[in-house]
Amino acid sequence: MRELVATNDFVLISFIEALLAGERIETQIFDGNISLMEGSIGAFPRRVMVADDNWPRARQVLREAGLGEWLIEHERG
């Protein structure tokens, strides 16, 4: 799995999931549980993840939808 977007914006996450589902690209949301535990103060963003082989296409879909500014440009280590 590779990180595509990290954000606390629930609407953005839902929009990204819908866009990618329309392209038959499965997503997983990481860090949802920690975000709930920290009291929703926004300290820990949720990460939208996709399979490695879907990552290039997912990035293209988001760019075409005008969401390129939200893309993670490199893996965090």
PDB file of N, CA and C in Angstrom:
ATOM      1  N   MET A   1       0.846  -1.180   0.000  1.00  0.00           N
ATOM      2  CA  MET A   1       0.000   0.000   0.000  1.00  0.00           C
ATOM      3  C   MET A   1       0.888   1.239   0.000  1.00  0.00           C
ATOM      4  N   ARG A   2       0.405   2.246  -0.701  1.00  0.00           N
ATOM      5  CA  ARG A   2       1.137   3.518  -0.757  1.00  0.00           C
ATOM      6  C   ARG A   2       0.209   4.654  -0.382  1.00  0.00           C
ATOM      7  N   GLU A   3       0.786   5.620   0.295  1.00  0.00           N
ATOM      8  CA  GLU A   3       0.041   6.792   0.749  1.00  0.00           C
ATOM      9  C   GLU A   3      -0.233   7.722  -0.425  1.00  0.00           C
ATOM     10  N   LEU A   4      -1.467   8.161  -0.516  1.00  0.00           N
ATOM     11  CA  LEU A   4      -1.876   9.047  -1.597  1.00  0.00           C
ATOM     12  C   LEU A   4      -2.121  10.457  -1.070  1.00  0.00           C
ATOM     13  N   VAL A   5      -2.901  10.555  -0.002  1.00  0.00           N
ATOM     14  CA  VAL A   5      -3.281  11.839   0.598  1.00  0.00           C
ATOM     15  C   VAL A   5      -3.334  11.661   2.107  1.00  0.00           C
ATOM     16  N   ALA A   6      -2.950  12.698   2.847  1.00  0.00           N
ATOM     17  CA  ALA A   6      -3.108  12.730   4.300  1.00  0.00           C
ATOM     18  C   ALA A   6      -3.861  14.005   4.661  1.00  0.00           C
ATOM     19  N   THR A   7      -5.001  13.846   5.340  1.00  0.00           N
ATOM     20  CA  THR A   7      -5.826  15.005   5.665  1.00  0.00           C
ATOM     21  C   THR A   7      -6.775  14.682   6.816  1.00  0.00           C
ATOM     22  N   ASN A   8      -7.277  15.716   7.449  1.00  0.00           N
ATOM     23  CA  ASN A   8      -8.324  15.594   8.462  1.00  0.00           C
ATOM     24  C   ASN A   8      -9.681  15.982   7.892  1.00  0.00           C
ATOM     25  N   ASP A   9      -9.736  16.299   6.632  1.00  0.00           N
ATOM     26  CA  ASP A   9     -10.961  16.761   5.974  1.00  0.00           C
ATOM     27  C   ASP A   9     -11.799  15.552   5.546  1.00  0.00           C
ATOM     28  N   PHE A  10     -12.862  15.274   6.306  1.00  0.00           N
ATOM     29  CA  PHE A  10     -13.710  14.108   6.031  1.00  0.00           C
ATOM     30  C   PHE A  10     -14.388  14.200   4.673  1.00  0.00           C
ATOM     31  N   VAL A  11     -14.767  15.398   4.280  1.00  0.00           N
ATOM     32  CA  VAL A  11     -15.431  15.582   2.981  1.00  0.00           C
ATOM     33  C   VAL A  11     -14.459  15.269   1.855  1.00  0.00           C
ATOM     34  N   LEU A  12     -13.236  15.749   1.969  1.00  0.00           N
ATOM     35  CA  LEU A  12     -12.214  15.464   0.960  1.00  0.00           C
ATOM     36  C   LEU A  12     -11.956  13.957   0.862  1.00  0.00           C
ATOM     37  N   ILE A  13     -11.852  13.302   2.006  1.00  0.00           N
ATOM     38  CA  ILE A  13     -11.621  11.853   1.998  1.00  0.00           C
ATOM     39  C   ILE A  13     -12.763  11.135   1.295  1.00  0.00           C
ATOM     40  N   SER A  14     -13.987  11.511   1.599  1.00  0.00           N
ATOM     41  CA  SER A  14     -15.151  10.885   0.951  1.00  0.00           C
ATOM     42  C   SER A  14     -15.152  11.129  -0.548  1.00  0.00           C
ATOM     43  N   PHE A  15     -14.792  12.338  -0.950  1.00  0.00           N
ATOM     44  CA  PHE A  15     -14.738  12.678  -2.376  1.00  0.00           C
ATOM     45  C   PHE A  15     -13.679  11.845  -3.088  1.00  0.00           C
ATOM     46  N   ILE A  16     -12.510  11.729  -2.476  1.00  0.00           N
ATOM     47  CA  ILE A  16     -11.429  10.931  -3.061  1.00  0.00           C
ATOM     48  C   ILE A  16     -11.856   9.464  -3.171  1.00  0.00           C
ATOM     49  N   GLU A  17     -12.464   8.938  -2.128  1.00  0.00           N
ATOM     50  CA  GLU A  17     -12.923   7.549  -2.169  1.00  0.00           C
ATOM     51  C   GLU A  17     -13.926   7.342  -3.304  1.00  0.00           C
ATOM     52  N   ALA A  18     -14.842   8.289  -3.481  1.00  0.00           N
ATOM     53  CA  ALA A  18     -15.847   8.175  -4.544  1.00  0.00           C
ATOM     54  C   ALA A  18     -15.203   8.270  -5.930  1.00  0.00           C
ATOM     55  N   LEU A  19     -14.282   9.208  -6.104  1.00  0.00           N
ATOM     56  CA  LEU A  19     -13.586   9.333  -7.392  1.00  0.00           C
ATOM     57  C   LEU A  19     -12.859   8.046  -7.757  1.00  0.00           C
ATOM     58  N   LEU A  20     -12.128   7.525  -6.805  1.00  0.00           N
ATOM     59  CA  LEU A  20     -11.335   6.334  -7.075  1.00  0.00           C
ATOM     60  C   LEU A  20     -12.210   5.095  -7.236  1.00  0.00           C
ATOM     61  N   ALA A  21     -13.287   5.019  -6.491  1.00  0.00           N
ATOM     62  CA  ALA A  21     -14.220   3.891  -6.655  1.00  0.00           C
ATOM     63  C   ALA A  21     -14.809   3.903  -8.062  1.00  0.00           C
ATOM     64  N   GLY A  22     -15.063   5.094  -8.587  1.00  0.00           N
ATOM     65  CA  GLY A  22     -15.564   5.210  -9.954  1.00  0.00           C
ATOM     66  C   GLY A  22     -14.578   4.702 -10.989  1.00  0.00           C
ATOM     67  N   GLU A  23     -13.323   4.669 -10.633  1.00  0.00           N
ATOM     68  CA  GLU A  23     -12.270   4.142 -11.506  1.00  0.00           C
ATOM     69  C   GLU A  23     -11.881   2.716 -11.113  1.00  0.00           C
ATOM     70  N   ARG A  24     -12.651   2.132 -10.221  1.00  0.00           N
ATOM     71  CA  ARG A  24     -12.409   0.777  -9.713  1.00  0.00           C
ATOM     72  C   ARG A  24     -11.048   0.642  -9.019  1.00  0.00           C
ATOM     73  N   ILE A  25     -10.680   1.709  -8.287  1.00  0.00           N
ATOM     74  CA  ILE A  25      -9.453   1.699  -7.498  1.00  0.00           C
ATOM     75  C   ILE A  25      -9.867   1.639  -6.031  1.00  0.00           C
ATOM     76  N   GLU A  26      -9.489   0.564  -5.373  1.00  0.00           N
ATOM     77  CA  GLU A  26      -9.849   0.374  -3.967  1.00  0.00           C
ATOM     78  C   GLU A  26      -8.959   1.224  -3.073  1.00  0.00           C
ATOM     79  N   THR A  27      -9.555   1.823  -2.057  1.00  0.00           N
ATOM     80  CA  THR A  27      -8.813   2.626  -1.094  1.00  0.00           C
ATOM     81  C   THR A  27      -8.955   2.026   0.298  1.00  0.00           C
ATOM     82  N   GLN A  28      -8.011   2.351   1.145  1.00  0.00           N
ATOM     83  CA  GLN A  28      -8.100   2.056   2.570  1.00  0.00           C
ATOM     84  C   GLN A  28      -7.714   3.325   3.307  1.00  0.00           C
ATOM     85  N   ILE A  29      -8.380   3.566   4.422  1.00  0.00           N
ATOM     86  CA  ILE A  29      -8.079   4.733   5.237  1.00  0.00           C
ATOM     87  C   ILE A  29      -7.296   4.272   6.455  1.00  0.00           C
ATOM     88  N   PHE A  30      -6.077   4.771   6.590  1.00  0.00           N
ATOM     89  CA  PHE A  30      -5.233   4.445   7.733  1.00  0.00           C
ATOM     90  C   PHE A  30      -5.333   5.566   8.766  1.00  0.00           C
ATOM     91  N   ASP A  31      -5.119   5.239  10.012  1.00  0.00           N
ATOM     92  CA  ASP A  31      -5.068   6.163  11.137  1.00  0.00           C
ATOM     93  C   ASP A  31      -6.431   6.707  11.554  1.00  0.00           C
ATOM     94  N   GLY A  32      -7.496   6.085  11.091  1.00  0.00           N
ATOM     95  CA  GLY A  32      -8.836   6.503  11.506  1.00  0.00           C
ATOM     96  C   GLY A  32      -9.064   6.287  12.992  1.00  0.00           C
ATOM     97  N   ASN A  33      -8.573   5.174  13.521  1.00  0.00           N
ATOM     98  CA  ASN A  33      -8.775   4.885  14.941  1.00  0.00           C
ATOM     99  C   ASN A  33      -8.008   5.829  15.841  1.00  0.00           C
ATOM    100  N   ILE A  34      -6.788   6.149  15.498  1.00  0.00           N
ATOM    101  CA  ILE A  34      -6.017   7.077  16.332  1.00  0.00           C
ATOM    102  C   ILE A  34      -6.638   8.463  16.290  1.00  0.00           C
ATOM    103  N   SER A  35      -7.204   8.842  15.142  1.00  0.00           N
ATOM    104  CA  SER A  35      -7.860  10.140  15.043  1.00  0.00           C
ATOM    105  C   SER A  35      -9.065  10.204  15.973  1.00  0.00           C
ATOM    106  N   LEU A  36      -9.776   9.089  16.127  1.00  0.00           N
ATOM    107  CA  LEU A  36     -10.912   9.056  17.054  1.00  0.00           C
ATOM    108  C   LEU A  36     -10.443   9.138  18.500  1.00  0.00           C
ATOM    109  N   MET A  37      -9.341   8.454  18.799  1.00  0.00           N
ATOM    110  CA  MET A  37      -8.842   8.410  20.171  1.00  0.00           C
ATOM    111  C   MET A  37      -8.305   9.760  20.633  1.00  0.00           C
ATOM    112  N   GLU A  38      -7.765  10.541  19.724  1.00  0.00           N
ATOM    113  CA  GLU A  38      -7.179  11.814  20.125  1.00  0.00           C
ATOM    114  C   GLU A  38      -8.229  12.906  20.273  1.00  0.00           C
ATOM    115  N   GLY A  39      -9.489  12.557  20.129  1.00  0.00           N
ATOM    116  CA  GLY A  39     -10.557  13.506  20.401  1.00  0.00           C
ATOM    117  C   GLY A  39     -10.921  14.418  19.255  1.00  0.00           C
ATOM    118  N   SER A  40     -10.543  14.041  18.051  1.00  0.00           N
ATOM    119  CA  SER A  40     -10.880  14.819  16.851  1.00  0.00           C
ATOM    120  C   SER A  40     -10.364  16.253  16.901  1.00  0.00           C
ATOM    121  N   ILE A  41      -9.179  16.444  17.507  1.00  0.00           N
ATOM    122  CA  ILE A  41      -8.590  17.784  17.528  1.00  0.00           C
ATOM    123  C   ILE A  41      -7.741  18.032  16.285  1.00  0.00           C
ATOM    124  N   GLY A  42      -7.585  17.013  15.462  1.00  0.00           N
ATOM    125  CA  GLY A  42      -6.866  17.179  14.207  1.00  0.00           C
ATOM    126  C   GLY A  42      -5.371  16.983  14.284  1.00  0.00           C
ATOM    127  N   ALA A  43      -4.890  16.379  15.348  1.00  0.00           N
ATOM    128  CA  ALA A  43      -3.449  16.189  15.506  1.00  0.00           C
ATOM    129  C   ALA A  43      -2.904  15.097  14.587  1.00  0.00           C
ATOM    130  N   PHE A  44      -3.745  14.126  14.238  1.00  0.00           N
ATOM    131  CA  PHE A  44      -3.302  13.002  13.419  1.00  0.00           C
ATOM    132  C   PHE A  44      -4.173  12.887  12.174  1.00  0.00           C
ATOM    133  N   PRO A  45      -3.648  13.243  11.020  1.00  0.00           N
ATOM    134  CA  PRO A  45      -4.463  13.130   9.804  1.00  0.00           C
ATOM    135  C   PRO A  45      -4.693  11.677   9.408  1.00  0.00           C
ATOM    136  N   ARG A  46      -5.793  11.449   8.751  1.00  0.00           N
ATOM    137  CA  ARG A  46      -6.076  10.144   8.167  1.00  0.00           C
ATOM    138  C   ARG A  46      -5.328  10.049   6.844  1.00  0.00           C
ATOM    139  N   ARG A  47      -4.896   8.841   6.496  1.00  0.00           N
ATOM    140  CA  ARG A  47      -4.152   8.647   5.256  1.00  0.00           C
ATOM    141  C   ARG A  47      -4.975   7.802   4.298  1.00  0.00           C
ATOM    142  N   VAL A  48      -5.134   8.290   3.078  1.00  0.00           N
ATOM    143  CA  VAL A  48      -5.799   7.541   2.016  1.00  0.00           C
ATOM    144  C   VAL A  48      -4.719   6.721   1.325  1.00  0.00           C
ATOM    145  N   MET A  49      -4.906   5.398   1.343  1.00  0.00           N
ATOM    146  CA  MET A  49      -3.921   4.482   0.809  1.00  0.00           C
ATOM    147  C   MET A  49      -4.507   3.705  -0.359  1.00  0.00           C
ATOM    148  N   VAL A  50      -3.640   3.363  -1.320  1.00  0.00           N
ATOM    149  CA  VAL A  50      -4.041   2.526  -2.457  1.00  0.00           C
ATOM    150  C   VAL A  50      -2.954   1.470  -2.674  1.00  0.00           C
ATOM    151  N   ALA A  51      -3.313   0.410  -3.365  1.00  0.00           N
ATOM    152  CA  ALA A  51      -2.340  -0.631  -3.691  1.00  0.00           C
ATOM    153  C   ALA A  51      -1.223  -0.046  -4.552  1.00  0.00           C
ATOM    154  N   ASP A  52      -0.036  -0.593  -4.397  1.00  0.00           N
ATOM    155  CA  ASP A  52       1.129  -0.105  -5.145  1.00  0.00           C
ATOM    156  C   ASP A  52       0.867  -0.010  -6.646  1.00  0.00           C
ATOM    157  N   ASP A  53       0.237  -1.029  -7.207  1.00  0.00           N
ATOM    158  CA  ASP A  53       0.036  -1.025  -8.655  1.00  0.00           C
ATOM    159  C   ASP A  53      -1.046  -0.041  -9.105  1.00  0.00           C
ATOM    160  N   ASN A  54      -1.880   0.441  -8.192  1.00  0.00           N
ATOM    161  CA  ASN A  54      -2.900   1.443  -8.528  1.00  0.00           C
ATOM    162  C   ASN A  54      -2.448   2.874  -8.261  1.00  0.00           C
ATOM    163  N   TRP A  55      -1.312   3.027  -7.595  1.00  0.00           N
ATOM    164  CA  TRP A  55      -0.853   4.348  -7.159  1.00  0.00           C
ATOM    165  C   TRP A  55      -0.682   5.344  -8.310  1.00  0.00           C
ATOM    166  N   PRO A  56      -0.001   4.996  -9.407  1.00  0.00           N
ATOM    167  CA  PRO A  56       0.145   5.979 -10.497  1.00  0.00           C
ATOM    168  C   PRO A  56      -1.205   6.420 -11.083  1.00  0.00           C
ATOM    169  N   ARG A  57      -2.101   5.469 -11.314  1.00  0.00           N
ATOM    170  CA  ARG A  57      -3.416   5.802 -11.880  1.00  0.00           C
ATOM    171  C   ARG A  57      -4.240   6.639 -10.893  1.00  0.00           C
ATOM    172  N   ALA A  58      -4.187   6.304  -9.621  1.00  0.00           N
ATOM    173  CA  ALA A  58      -4.918   7.061  -8.604  1.00  0.00           C
ATOM    174  C   ALA A  58      -4.436   8.508  -8.560  1.00  0.00           C
ATOM    175  N   ARG A  59      -3.140   8.700  -8.646  1.00  0.00           N
ATOM    176  CA  ARG A  59      -2.585  10.061  -8.661  1.00  0.00           C
ATOM    177  C   ARG A  59      -3.072  10.827  -9.888  1.00  0.00           C
ATOM    178  N   GLN A  60      -3.108  10.153 -11.023  1.00  0.00           N
ATOM    179  CA  GLN A  60      -3.584  10.786 -12.252  1.00  0.00           C
ATOM    180  C   GLN A  60      -5.051  11.199 -12.109  1.00  0.00           C
ATOM    181  N   VAL A  61      -5.877  10.321 -11.564  1.00  0.00           N
ATOM    182  CA  VAL A  61      -7.302  10.614 -11.376  1.00  0.00           C
ATOM    183  C   VAL A  61      -7.475  11.845 -10.489  1.00  0.00           C
ATOM    184  N   LEU A  62      -6.725  11.920  -9.404  1.00  0.00           N
ATOM    185  CA  LEU A  62      -6.852  13.064  -8.504  1.00  0.00           C
ATOM    186  C   LEU A  62      -6.353  14.351  -9.148  1.00  0.00           C
ATOM    187  N   ARG A  63      -5.281  14.260  -9.906  1.00  0.00           N
ATOM    188  CA  ARG A  63      -4.806  15.459 -10.628  1.00  0.00           C
ATOM    189  C   ARG A  63      -5.852  15.954 -11.614  1.00  0.00           C
ATOM    190  N   GLU A  64      -6.442  15.029 -12.364  1.00  0.00           N
ATOM    191  CA  GLU A  64      -7.457  15.396 -13.352  1.00  0.00           C
ATOM    192  C   GLU A  64      -8.696  15.999 -12.691  1.00  0.00           C
ATOM    193  N   ALA A  65      -8.948  15.648 -11.432  1.00  0.00           N
ATOM    194  CA  ALA A  65     -10.090  16.184 -10.695  1.00  0.00           C
ATOM    195  C   ALA A  65      -9.745  17.503  -9.990  1.00  0.00           C
ATOM    196  N   GLY A  66      -8.528  17.991 -10.195  1.00  0.00           N
ATOM    197  CA  GLY A  66      -8.114  19.253  -9.582  1.00  0.00           C
ATOM    198  C   GLY A  66      -7.657  19.120  -8.143  1.00  0.00           C
ATOM    199  N   LEU A  67      -7.274  17.921  -7.736  1.00  0.00           N
ATOM    200  CA  LEU A  67      -6.850  17.676  -6.358  1.00  0.00           C
ATOM    201  C   LEU A  67      -5.357  17.416  -6.237  1.00  0.00           C
ATOM    202  N   GLY A  68      -4.602  17.802  -7.231  1.00  0.00           N
ATOM    203  CA  GLY A  68      -3.167  17.556  -7.226  1.00  0.00           C
ATOM    204  C   GLY A  68      -2.437  18.156  -6.042  1.00  0.00           C
ATOM    205  N   GLU A  69      -2.938  19.267  -5.517  1.00  0.00           N
ATOM    206  CA  GLU A  69      -2.276  19.915  -4.382  1.00  0.00           C
ATOM    207  C   GLU A  69      -2.312  19.069  -3.113  1.00  0.00           C
ATOM    208  N   TRP A  70      -3.223  18.107  -3.049  1.00  0.00           N
ATOM    209  CA  TRP A  70      -3.365  17.256  -1.870  1.00  0.00           C
ATOM    210  C   TRP A  70      -2.476  16.015  -1.922  1.00  0.00           C
ATOM    211  N   LEU A  71      -1.893  15.712  -3.053  1.00  0.00           N
ATOM    212  CA  LEU A  71      -1.113  14.484  -3.217  1.00  0.00           C
ATOM    213  C   LEU A  71       0.179  14.528  -2.409  1.00  0.00           C
ATOM    214  N   ILE A  72       0.490  13.404  -1.780  1.00  0.00           N
ATOM    215  CA  ILE A  72       1.777  13.234  -1.125  1.00  0.00           C
ATOM    216  C   ILE A  72       2.795  13.000  -2.239  1.00  0.00           C
ATOM    217  N   GLU A  73       3.842  13.785  -2.265  1.00  0.00           N
ATOM    218  CA  GLU A  73       4.811  13.687  -3.361  1.00  0.00           C
ATOM    219  C   GLU A  73       5.837  12.595  -3.161  1.00  0.00           C
ATOM    220  N   HIS A  74       6.065  12.195  -1.928  1.00  0.00           N
ATOM    221  CA  HIS A  74       7.034  11.132  -1.668  1.00  0.00           C
ATOM    222  C   HIS A  74       6.629  10.386  -0.408  1.00  0.00           C
ATOM    223  N   GLU A  75       7.159   9.205  -0.261  1.00  0.00           N
ATOM    224  CA  GLU A  75       6.851   8.390   0.908  1.00  0.00           C
ATOM    225  C   GLU A  75       7.507   8.999   2.136  1.00  0.00           C
ATOM    226  N   ARG A  76       6.768   8.980   3.223  1.00  0.00           N
ATOM    227  CA  ARG A  76       7.342   9.420   4.495  1.00  0.00           C
ATOM    228  C   ARG A  76       8.092   8.249   5.103  1.00  0.00           C
ATOM    229  N   GLY A  77       9.229   8.523   5.682  1.00  0.00           N
ATOM    230  CA  GLY A  77      10.005   7.423   6.203  1.00  0.00           C
ATOM    231  C   GLY A  77      10.255   7.448   7.649  1.00  0.00           C
TER     232      GLY A  77
END
